[in-house]
Structures are given as C-alpha cells and as structure tokens.
N, C-alpha and C. Protein backbone atom coordinates (compact mmCIF):
# COMPACT_ATOMS: atom_id res chain seq x y z
N MET A 1 107.03 111.63 96.86
CA MET A 1 107.49 111.67 95.48
C MET A 1 108.89 111.09 95.40
N PHE A 2 109.10 110.20 94.45
CA PHE A 2 110.39 109.57 94.28
C PHE A 2 111.32 110.46 93.47
N SER A 3 112.59 110.49 93.87
CA SER A 3 113.59 111.16 93.04
C SER A 3 113.90 110.25 91.86
N SER A 4 114.60 110.78 90.89
CA SER A 4 114.95 110.00 89.71
C SER A 4 115.78 108.77 90.10
N GLU A 5 116.71 108.96 91.02
CA GLU A 5 117.56 107.84 91.45
C GLU A 5 116.76 106.80 92.22
N GLN A 6 115.83 107.25 93.06
CA GLN A 6 114.98 106.30 93.80
C GLN A 6 114.11 105.50 92.83
N ARG A 7 113.58 106.17 91.83
CA ARG A 7 112.74 105.51 90.83
C ARG A 7 113.57 104.47 90.06
N HIS A 8 114.81 104.81 89.76
CA HIS A 8 115.70 103.90 89.05
C HIS A 8 115.98 102.66 89.91
N LEU A 9 116.24 102.87 91.19
CA LEU A 9 116.50 101.75 92.10
C LEU A 9 115.25 100.90 92.29
N ASP A 10 114.08 101.54 92.34
CA ASP A 10 112.82 100.81 92.45
C ASP A 10 112.62 99.93 91.22
N ALA A 11 112.89 100.48 90.06
CA ALA A 11 112.76 99.71 88.81
C ALA A 11 113.73 98.53 88.83
N GLU A 12 114.92 98.75 89.34
CA GLU A 12 115.92 97.68 89.42
C GLU A 12 115.44 96.55 90.34
N GLU A 13 114.85 96.90 91.47
CA GLU A 13 114.30 95.89 92.38
C GLU A 13 113.18 95.10 91.72
N GLN A 14 112.31 95.81 91.01
CA GLN A 14 111.22 95.14 90.32
C GLN A 14 111.74 94.21 89.23
N LEU A 15 112.79 94.62 88.54
CA LEU A 15 113.42 93.77 87.53
C LEU A 15 113.88 92.45 88.15
N LYS A 16 114.53 92.55 89.31
CA LYS A 16 115.03 91.35 89.99
C LYS A 16 113.89 90.41 90.36
N LYS A 17 112.80 90.98 90.87
CA LYS A 17 111.66 90.15 91.29
C LYS A 17 111.01 89.45 90.10
N VAL A 18 110.79 90.18 89.03
CA VAL A 18 110.17 89.59 87.85
C VAL A 18 111.09 88.54 87.23
N LYS A 19 112.39 88.81 87.21
CA LYS A 19 113.35 87.84 86.67
C LYS A 19 113.32 86.54 87.47
N ALA A 20 113.25 86.64 88.79
CA ALA A 20 113.20 85.45 89.64
C ALA A 20 111.95 84.62 89.34
N ILE A 21 110.82 85.29 89.18
CA ILE A 21 109.57 84.59 88.86
C ILE A 21 109.68 83.97 87.47
N CYS A 22 110.25 84.72 86.56
CA CYS A 22 110.40 84.26 85.18
C CYS A 22 111.27 83.01 85.11
N ASP A 23 112.33 83.00 85.89
CA ASP A 23 113.23 81.85 85.90
C ASP A 23 112.53 80.58 86.38
N GLN A 24 111.49 80.73 87.19
CA GLN A 24 110.75 79.58 87.71
C GLN A 24 109.60 79.16 86.81
N THR A 25 109.29 79.98 85.82
CA THR A 25 108.18 79.69 84.92
C THR A 25 108.61 78.61 83.92
N PRO A 26 107.76 77.58 83.74
CA PRO A 26 108.11 76.53 82.78
C PRO A 26 108.21 77.08 81.35
N ALA A 27 109.05 76.44 80.57
CA ALA A 27 109.22 76.85 79.17
C ALA A 27 107.89 76.75 78.43
N GLY A 28 107.70 77.65 77.49
CA GLY A 28 106.49 77.64 76.70
C GLY A 28 106.13 79.04 76.23
N GLU A 29 104.94 79.16 75.66
CA GLU A 29 104.50 80.44 75.10
C GLU A 29 104.42 81.53 76.16
N LYS A 30 103.92 81.16 77.35
CA LYS A 30 103.77 82.14 78.42
C LYS A 30 105.14 82.72 78.81
N LYS A 31 106.12 81.85 78.98
CA LYS A 31 107.46 82.31 79.35
C LYS A 31 108.05 83.17 78.24
N ASP A 32 107.85 82.77 77.00
CA ASP A 32 108.36 83.55 75.87
C ASP A 32 107.78 84.96 75.87
N GLU A 33 106.47 85.06 76.13
CA GLU A 33 105.81 86.37 76.16
C GLU A 33 106.34 87.21 77.31
N VAL A 34 106.48 86.59 78.47
CA VAL A 34 107.00 87.30 79.65
C VAL A 34 108.42 87.79 79.38
N MET A 35 109.23 86.96 78.76
CA MET A 35 110.62 87.35 78.49
C MET A 35 110.71 88.53 77.53
N GLN A 36 109.77 88.63 76.59
CA GLN A 36 109.76 89.79 75.69
C GLN A 36 109.56 91.07 76.49
N PHE A 37 108.60 91.04 77.43
CA PHE A 37 108.36 92.22 78.26
C PHE A 37 109.55 92.49 79.18
N TYR A 38 110.13 91.41 79.71
CA TYR A 38 111.28 91.56 80.62
C TYR A 38 112.46 92.20 79.89
N ILE A 39 112.74 91.72 78.69
CA ILE A 39 113.86 92.27 77.91
C ILE A 39 113.61 93.74 77.57
N ALA A 40 112.38 94.07 77.21
CA ALA A 40 112.03 95.47 76.93
C ALA A 40 112.21 96.32 78.19
N ALA A 41 111.84 95.77 79.33
CA ALA A 41 112.00 96.49 80.60
C ALA A 41 113.48 96.69 80.92
N GLU A 42 114.27 95.66 80.69
CA GLU A 42 115.71 95.74 80.93
C GLU A 42 116.35 96.82 80.05
N ASP A 43 115.96 96.84 78.78
CA ASP A 43 116.49 97.84 77.85
C ASP A 43 116.10 99.25 78.30
N ALA A 44 114.86 99.41 78.71
CA ALA A 44 114.39 100.72 79.19
C ALA A 44 115.16 101.13 80.44
N HIS A 45 115.43 100.18 81.31
CA HIS A 45 116.16 100.47 82.55
C HIS A 45 117.57 100.94 82.23
N LYS A 46 118.21 100.30 81.28
CA LYS A 46 119.57 100.69 80.89
C LYS A 46 119.60 102.12 80.36
N MET A 47 118.51 102.54 79.72
CA MET A 47 118.43 103.90 79.17
C MET A 47 117.84 104.88 80.19
N ARG A 48 117.65 104.39 81.44
CA ARG A 48 117.10 105.18 82.54
C ARG A 48 115.69 105.71 82.22
N MET A 49 114.95 104.92 81.46
CA MET A 49 113.55 105.23 81.16
C MET A 49 112.71 104.42 82.16
N ASN A 50 112.73 104.88 83.40
CA ASN A 50 112.16 104.10 84.50
C ASN A 50 110.66 103.87 84.38
N ASN A 51 109.92 104.86 83.93
CA ASN A 51 108.47 104.67 83.79
C ASN A 51 108.16 103.59 82.76
N LYS A 52 108.89 103.60 81.66
CA LYS A 52 108.69 102.58 80.63
C LYS A 52 109.09 101.21 81.17
N CYS A 53 110.18 101.15 81.91
CA CYS A 53 110.64 99.90 82.51
C CYS A 53 109.56 99.32 83.42
N ILE A 54 109.03 100.13 84.29
CA ILE A 54 108.01 99.67 85.24
C ILE A 54 106.74 99.25 84.50
N ALA A 55 106.39 99.96 83.44
CA ALA A 55 105.20 99.60 82.66
C ALA A 55 105.39 98.23 81.99
N GLN A 56 106.58 97.97 81.46
CA GLN A 56 106.85 96.68 80.83
C GLN A 56 106.82 95.55 81.87
N LEU A 57 107.32 95.83 83.06
CA LEU A 57 107.29 94.82 84.12
C LEU A 57 105.86 94.53 84.56
N ALA A 58 105.02 95.55 84.55
CA ALA A 58 103.60 95.35 84.89
C ALA A 58 102.94 94.43 83.86
N LYS A 59 103.29 94.62 82.60
CA LYS A 59 102.75 93.75 81.54
C LYS A 59 103.24 92.32 81.73
N ALA A 60 104.49 92.16 82.11
CA ALA A 60 105.04 90.82 82.35
C ALA A 60 104.30 90.15 83.51
N ARG A 61 104.06 90.91 84.58
CA ARG A 61 103.34 90.35 85.73
C ARG A 61 101.92 89.95 85.35
N GLU A 62 101.30 90.72 84.49
CA GLU A 62 99.93 90.42 84.04
C GLU A 62 99.90 89.08 83.30
N VAL A 63 100.88 88.83 82.48
CA VAL A 63 100.95 87.56 81.75
C VAL A 63 101.14 86.40 82.73
N LEU A 64 101.88 86.64 83.78
CA LEU A 64 102.16 85.58 84.76
C LEU A 64 100.97 85.23 85.64
N LYS A 65 99.95 86.05 85.64
CA LYS A 65 98.77 85.78 86.49
C LYS A 65 98.03 84.56 86.02
C-alpha cells in the first residue's frame, strides 16, 4: 500500500513520462486532446488529488495509443 507521499511522487513521475510523450506528439487534434487531460492531471497533482491525477494521465495515455 502506498503512503500519500509515495502516491504523490508516483503521480509526479507519471506526469513527467506523459509530458515527454506529449512533447513528441505531432501537433493536431490528438495532441490537443492529450494536453487537455495532461493539464487536468497537472491541476489535480497541484491540489494533491493523486487518484484524479493518475486517472487523467490514464486517459491521456489511452488517446496516445
């Protein structure tokens, strides 16, 4: 079981990974959609809403498939 701080750090690592992938994605509708999820995840992370952050990142990854 993750502690709150571990979950927060895990979310931060996932944010970095998705951002790196996003930066390599060509401009267009797909990137725009991914960025919406990424920004929502970033906002959730700032508010320490780690479960919401991770859920938004999962949605971003799904779009990138």
